[in-house]
Amino acid sequence: MGIGTEDLIRHAIENGFDMFDCVLPTRLGRHGTAMTKQGHIKLSNAQYRNDHSPLDPESDCYTSKYFTKAYLHHLVRENEMLAGTLLSLHNIWYLHNLVESIKKEILEG
């Protein structure tokens, strides 16, 4: 279907879609990018080399709990497969929580 960005997901739900299939969260993860409420974070950027903060402070996903931006930056720069795995896990967590929050908004009116 190709619906994987926040704005497309919201638009689709508003129009009655309730199922999504997209490679975007894992593709972004494999290419060193994390999805957050503040936008996409490209971890190959040098600004993350010494950034020891969590990937997303609002996230309780495995990646954000246990790995810093600096470590993820290192993994991405070294082309370690673990980088893509951890970022894909985070991105899937992010989209899952996005849909859950939209569901909550709908139920609350």
N, C-alpha and C. Protein backbone atom coordinates (compact mmCIF):
# COMPACT_ATOMS: atom_id res chain seq x y z
N MET A 1 0.81 -1.19 0.00
CA MET A 1 0.00 0.00 0.00
C MET A 1 0.86 1.26 0.00
N GLY A 2 2.00 1.24 0.69
CA GLY A 2 2.87 2.40 0.67
C GLY A 2 2.48 3.51 1.62
N ILE A 3 1.62 3.23 2.58
CA ILE A 3 1.21 4.25 3.55
C ILE A 3 2.05 4.06 4.80
N GLY A 4 3.07 4.92 4.98
CA GLY A 4 3.97 4.72 6.09
C GLY A 4 4.38 5.98 6.82
N THR A 5 4.02 7.15 6.30
CA THR A 5 4.36 8.38 7.00
C THR A 5 3.20 8.77 7.91
N GLU A 6 3.52 9.56 8.91
CA GLU A 6 2.51 9.96 9.90
C GLU A 6 1.32 10.64 9.25
N ASP A 7 1.58 11.58 8.34
CA ASP A 7 0.47 12.31 7.72
C ASP A 7 -0.39 11.40 6.84
N LEU A 8 0.24 10.47 6.12
CA LEU A 8 -0.54 9.54 5.30
C LEU A 8 -1.36 8.58 6.15
N ILE A 9 -0.79 8.13 7.25
CA ILE A 9 -1.52 7.22 8.14
C ILE A 9 -2.74 7.94 8.72
N ARG A 10 -2.54 9.17 9.19
CA ARG A 10 -3.67 9.93 9.72
C ARG A 10 -4.75 10.15 8.65
N HIS A 11 -4.33 10.51 7.46
CA HIS A 11 -5.28 10.71 6.36
C HIS A 11 -6.03 9.42 6.03
N ALA A 12 -5.32 8.32 5.99
CA ALA A 12 -5.95 7.04 5.67
C ALA A 12 -6.97 6.65 6.73
N ILE A 13 -6.63 6.82 8.00
CA ILE A 13 -7.55 6.48 9.07
C ILE A 13 -8.80 7.35 9.00
N GLU A 14 -8.60 8.64 8.73
CA GLU A 14 -9.75 9.55 8.58
C GLU A 14 -10.68 9.11 7.46
N ASN A 15 -10.14 8.37 6.50
CA ASN A 15 -10.93 7.90 5.37
C ASN A 15 -11.32 6.43 5.46
N GLY A 16 -11.22 5.87 6.66
CA GLY A 16 -11.75 4.54 6.91
C GLY A 16 -10.78 3.37 6.80
N PHE A 17 -9.52 3.61 6.49
CA PHE A 17 -8.56 2.51 6.43
C PHE A 17 -8.24 2.05 7.84
N ASP A 18 -8.08 0.74 8.01
CA ASP A 18 -7.71 0.24 9.33
C ASP A 18 -6.58 -0.78 9.25
N MET A 19 -5.96 -0.90 8.10
CA MET A 19 -4.85 -1.83 7.95
C MET A 19 -3.81 -1.17 7.03
N PHE A 20 -2.55 -1.31 7.40
CA PHE A 20 -1.47 -0.67 6.66
C PHE A 20 -0.37 -1.67 6.39
N ASP A 21 0.28 -1.49 5.27
CA ASP A 21 1.41 -2.34 4.91
C ASP A 21 2.42 -1.47 4.20
N CYS A 22 3.57 -1.28 4.82
CA CYS A 22 4.56 -0.41 4.22
C CYS A 22 5.95 -0.83 4.67
N VAL A 23 6.90 -0.70 3.79
CA VAL A 23 8.28 -1.03 4.12
C VAL A 23 9.04 0.17 4.70
N LEU A 24 8.39 1.33 4.76
CA LEU A 24 9.07 2.56 5.16
C LEU A 24 9.80 2.47 6.50
N PRO A 25 9.18 1.96 7.58
CA PRO A 25 9.91 1.97 8.86
C PRO A 25 11.18 1.13 8.83
N THR A 26 11.16 0.01 8.14
CA THR A 26 12.36 -0.82 8.09
C THR A 26 13.36 -0.28 7.07
N ARG A 27 12.88 0.28 5.98
CA ARG A 27 13.80 0.88 4.99
C ARG A 27 14.55 2.04 5.63
N LEU A 28 13.81 2.91 6.33
CA LEU A 28 14.47 4.03 7.01
C LEU A 28 15.48 3.51 8.04
N GLY A 29 15.08 2.49 8.78
CA GLY A 29 15.98 1.92 9.78
C GLY A 29 17.26 1.37 9.16
N ARG A 30 17.11 0.64 8.07
CA ARG A 30 18.29 0.07 7.40
C ARG A 30 19.21 1.15 6.85
N HIS A 31 18.66 2.33 6.60
CA HIS A 31 19.46 3.42 6.07
C HIS A 31 19.84 4.45 7.15
N GLY A 32 19.71 4.05 8.43
CA GLY A 32 20.21 4.88 9.52
C GLY A 32 19.32 6.01 9.97
N THR A 33 18.01 5.90 9.72
CA THR A 33 17.10 6.98 10.07
C THR A 33 16.04 6.49 11.05
N ALA A 34 15.80 7.31 12.08
CA ALA A 34 14.79 7.01 13.09
C ALA A 34 13.61 7.96 12.94
N MET A 35 12.42 7.45 13.16
CA MET A 35 11.19 8.25 13.13
C MET A 35 10.89 8.71 14.55
N THR A 36 10.65 10.01 14.72
CA THR A 36 10.27 10.54 16.04
C THR A 36 9.20 11.61 15.85
N LYS A 37 8.61 12.02 16.96
CA LYS A 37 7.62 13.10 16.90
C LYS A 37 8.24 14.41 16.42
N GLN A 38 9.54 14.55 16.62
CA GLN A 38 10.24 15.75 16.19
C GLN A 38 10.70 15.66 14.74
N GLY A 39 10.38 14.57 14.08
CA GLY A 39 10.80 14.35 12.70
C GLY A 39 11.80 13.22 12.60
N HIS A 40 12.34 13.05 11.42
CA HIS A 40 13.31 11.98 11.20
C HIS A 40 14.68 12.39 11.71
N ILE A 41 15.38 11.44 12.31
CA ILE A 41 16.74 11.65 12.79
C ILE A 41 17.66 10.78 11.95
N LYS A 42 18.56 11.39 11.21
CA LYS A 42 19.53 10.67 10.38
C LYS A 42 20.79 10.49 11.21
N LEU A 43 20.98 9.29 11.73
CA LEU A 43 22.03 9.04 12.70
C LEU A 43 23.43 8.99 12.12
N SER A 44 23.58 9.04 10.82
CA SER A 44 24.92 9.10 10.24
C SER A 44 25.50 10.50 10.35
N ASN A 45 24.67 11.50 10.66
CA ASN A 45 25.14 12.88 10.79
C ASN A 45 26.12 13.01 11.96
N ALA A 46 27.18 13.78 11.73
CA ALA A 46 28.25 13.94 12.72
C ALA A 46 27.76 14.51 14.05
N GLN A 47 26.67 15.24 14.04
CA GLN A 47 26.19 15.85 15.29
C GLN A 47 25.83 14.82 16.35
N TYR A 48 25.64 13.56 15.96
CA TYR A 48 25.28 12.52 16.92
C TYR A 48 26.48 11.74 17.44
N ARG A 49 27.67 12.05 16.96
CA ARG A 49 28.88 11.31 17.34
C ARG A 49 29.06 11.27 18.86
N ASN A 50 28.82 12.37 19.53
CA ASN A 50 29.02 12.44 20.98
C ASN A 50 27.72 12.73 21.73
N ASP A 51 26.61 12.41 21.12
CA ASP A 51 25.30 12.65 21.74
C ASP A 51 24.89 11.40 22.51
N HIS A 52 25.03 11.46 23.81
CA HIS A 52 24.76 10.29 24.65
C HIS A 52 23.33 10.28 25.21
N SER A 53 22.46 11.01 24.55
CA SER A 53 21.05 11.01 24.95
C SER A 53 20.33 9.85 24.26
N PRO A 54 19.17 9.46 24.81
CA PRO A 54 18.41 8.39 24.16
C PRO A 54 17.90 8.84 22.80
N LEU A 55 17.65 7.88 21.95
CA LEU A 55 17.15 8.16 20.61
C LEU A 55 15.88 9.01 20.68
N ASP A 56 14.96 8.59 21.52
CA ASP A 56 13.71 9.32 21.70
C ASP A 56 13.36 9.27 23.17
N PRO A 57 13.52 10.38 23.90
CA PRO A 57 13.28 10.37 25.35
C PRO A 57 11.86 9.98 25.73
N GLU A 58 10.90 10.14 24.82
CA GLU A 58 9.51 9.78 25.11
C GLU A 58 9.21 8.31 24.84
N SER A 59 10.17 7.61 24.26
CA SER A 59 9.95 6.23 23.84
C SER A 59 10.34 5.25 24.94
N ASP A 60 9.56 4.17 25.04
CA ASP A 60 9.96 3.09 25.94
C ASP A 60 10.32 1.84 25.14
N CYS A 61 10.68 2.05 23.86
CA CYS A 61 11.09 0.92 23.03
C CYS A 61 12.49 0.46 23.44
N TYR A 62 12.81 -0.75 23.08
CA TYR A 62 14.10 -1.35 23.43
C TYR A 62 15.27 -0.48 23.00
N THR A 63 15.22 0.03 21.78
CA THR A 63 16.33 0.81 21.25
C THR A 63 16.55 2.08 22.07
N SER A 64 15.49 2.81 22.36
CA SER A 64 15.64 4.05 23.12
C SER A 64 16.03 3.81 24.57
N LYS A 65 15.62 2.68 25.12
CA LYS A 65 15.95 2.37 26.52
C LYS A 65 17.43 2.05 26.71
N TYR A 66 18.01 1.35 25.74
CA TYR A 66 19.33 0.77 25.97
C TYR A 66 20.46 1.31 25.10
N PHE A 67 20.15 2.17 24.12
CA PHE A 67 21.20 2.63 23.21
C PHE A 67 21.12 4.15 23.02
N THR A 68 22.28 4.79 23.05
CA THR A 68 22.34 6.24 22.87
C THR A 68 22.45 6.58 21.37
N LYS A 69 22.20 7.84 21.07
CA LYS A 69 22.39 8.30 19.69
C LYS A 69 23.84 8.11 19.26
N ALA A 70 24.77 8.33 20.18
CA ALA A 70 26.19 8.18 19.84
C ALA A 70 26.51 6.74 19.45
N TYR A 71 25.98 5.80 20.19
CA TYR A 71 26.25 4.39 19.86
C TYR A 71 25.58 4.01 18.55
N LEU A 72 24.35 4.47 18.34
CA LEU A 72 23.66 4.19 17.08
C LEU A 72 24.39 4.85 15.92
N HIS A 73 24.90 6.06 16.13
CA HIS A 73 25.70 6.75 15.12
C HIS A 73 26.90 5.88 14.75
N HIS A 74 27.58 5.37 15.76
CA HIS A 74 28.75 4.50 15.53
C HIS A 74 28.36 3.27 14.70
N LEU A 75 27.27 2.62 15.07
CA LEU A 75 26.83 1.43 14.34
C LEU A 75 26.51 1.76 12.88
N VAL A 76 25.82 2.87 12.67
CA VAL A 76 25.46 3.28 11.30
C VAL A 76 26.72 3.58 10.50
N ARG A 77 27.64 4.35 11.07
CA ARG A 77 28.86 4.73 10.35
C ARG A 77 29.74 3.52 10.02
N GLU A 78 29.67 2.48 10.85
CA GLU A 78 30.47 1.27 10.61
C GLU A 78 29.71 0.23 9.79
N ASN A 79 28.53 0.59 9.33
CA ASN A 79 27.68 -0.32 8.53
C ASN A 79 27.38 -1.64 9.25
N GLU A 80 27.22 -1.55 10.55
CA GLU A 80 26.86 -2.74 11.34
C GLU A 80 25.40 -3.08 11.12
N MET A 81 25.09 -4.34 10.90
CA MET A 81 23.70 -4.76 10.70
C MET A 81 22.83 -4.45 11.90
N LEU A 82 23.42 -4.44 13.08
CA LEU A 82 22.67 -4.15 14.30
C LEU A 82 22.01 -2.78 14.23
N ALA A 83 22.63 -1.82 13.56
CA ALA A 83 22.05 -0.48 13.43
C ALA A 83 20.68 -0.56 12.77
N GLY A 84 20.59 -1.22 11.64
CA GLY A 84 19.33 -1.35 10.92
C GLY A 84 18.28 -2.08 11.72
N THR A 85 18.70 -3.09 12.45
CA THR A 85 17.77 -3.86 13.28
C THR A 85 17.21 -2.99 14.40
N LEU A 86 18.09 -2.31 15.12
CA LEU A 86 17.64 -1.48 16.25
C LEU A 86 16.78 -0.32 15.78
N LEU A 87 17.15 0.31 14.69
CA LEU A 87 16.36 1.44 14.19
C LEU A 87 15.04 0.97 13.60
N SER A 88 15.02 -0.19 12.97
CA SER A 88 13.75 -0.75 12.47
C SER A 88 12.81 -1.07 13.62
N LEU A 89 13.35 -1.66 14.69
CA LEU A 89 12.53 -1.94 15.87
C LEU A 89 11.92 -0.65 16.42
N HIS A 90 12.74 0.38 16.51
CA HIS A 90 12.25 1.66 17.02
C HIS A 90 11.17 2.23 16.10
N ASN A 91 11.41 2.22 14.79
CA ASN A 91 10.46 2.81 13.85
C ASN A 91 9.13 2.07 13.85
N ILE A 92 9.17 0.76 13.96
CA ILE A 92 7.92 -0.01 14.05
C ILE A 92 7.21 0.33 15.35
N TRP A 93 7.97 0.43 16.45
CA TRP A 93 7.38 0.83 17.73
C TRP A 93 6.72 2.20 17.58
N TYR A 94 7.41 3.13 16.93
CA TYR A 94 6.89 4.49 16.76
C TYR A 94 5.56 4.48 16.01
N LEU A 95 5.50 3.77 14.89
CA LEU A 95 4.26 3.75 14.11
C LEU A 95 3.14 3.02 14.85
N HIS A 96 3.49 1.97 15.56
CA HIS A 96 2.48 1.26 16.35
C HIS A 96 1.87 2.20 17.39
N ASN A 97 2.71 2.95 18.07
CA ASN A 97 2.21 3.88 19.08
C ASN A 97 1.45 5.04 18.47
N LEU A 98 1.85 5.46 17.29
CA LEU A 98 1.11 6.50 16.57
C LEU A 98 -0.32 6.03 16.31
N VAL A 99 -0.46 4.83 15.79
CA VAL A 99 -1.80 4.30 15.49
C VAL A 99 -2.61 4.12 16.78
N GLU A 100 -1.96 3.66 17.84
CA GLU A 100 -2.65 3.53 19.12
C GLU A 100 -3.14 4.88 19.63
N SER A 101 -2.34 5.93 19.47
CA SER A 101 -2.76 7.26 19.93
C SER A 101 -3.91 7.79 19.08
N ILE A 102 -3.90 7.50 17.79
CA ILE A 102 -5.01 7.91 16.93
C ILE A 102 -6.28 7.15 17.33
N LYS A 103 -6.11 5.87 17.63
CA LYS A 103 -7.26 5.07 18.08
C LYS A 103 -7.85 5.65 19.36
N LYS A 104 -6.98 6.03 20.28
CA LYS A 104 -7.44 6.64 21.53
C LYS A 104 -8.18 7.94 21.27
N GLU A 105 -7.65 8.76 20.35
CA GLU A 105 -8.31 10.03 19.98
C GLU A 105 -9.71 9.76 19.44
N ILE A 106 -9.85 8.74 18.61
CA ILE A 106 -11.15 8.40 18.02
C ILE A 106 -12.12 7.97 19.12
N LEU A 107 -11.67 7.11 20.01
CA LEU A 107 -12.54 6.60 21.09
C LEU A 107 -12.97 7.71 22.05
N GLU A 108 -12.11 8.72 22.22
CA GLU A 108 -12.43 9.82 23.11
C GLU A 108 -13.25 10.92 22.42
N GLY A 109 -13.47 10.73 21.14
CA GLY A 109 -14.30 11.68 20.38
C GLY A 109 -13.48 12.75 19.75
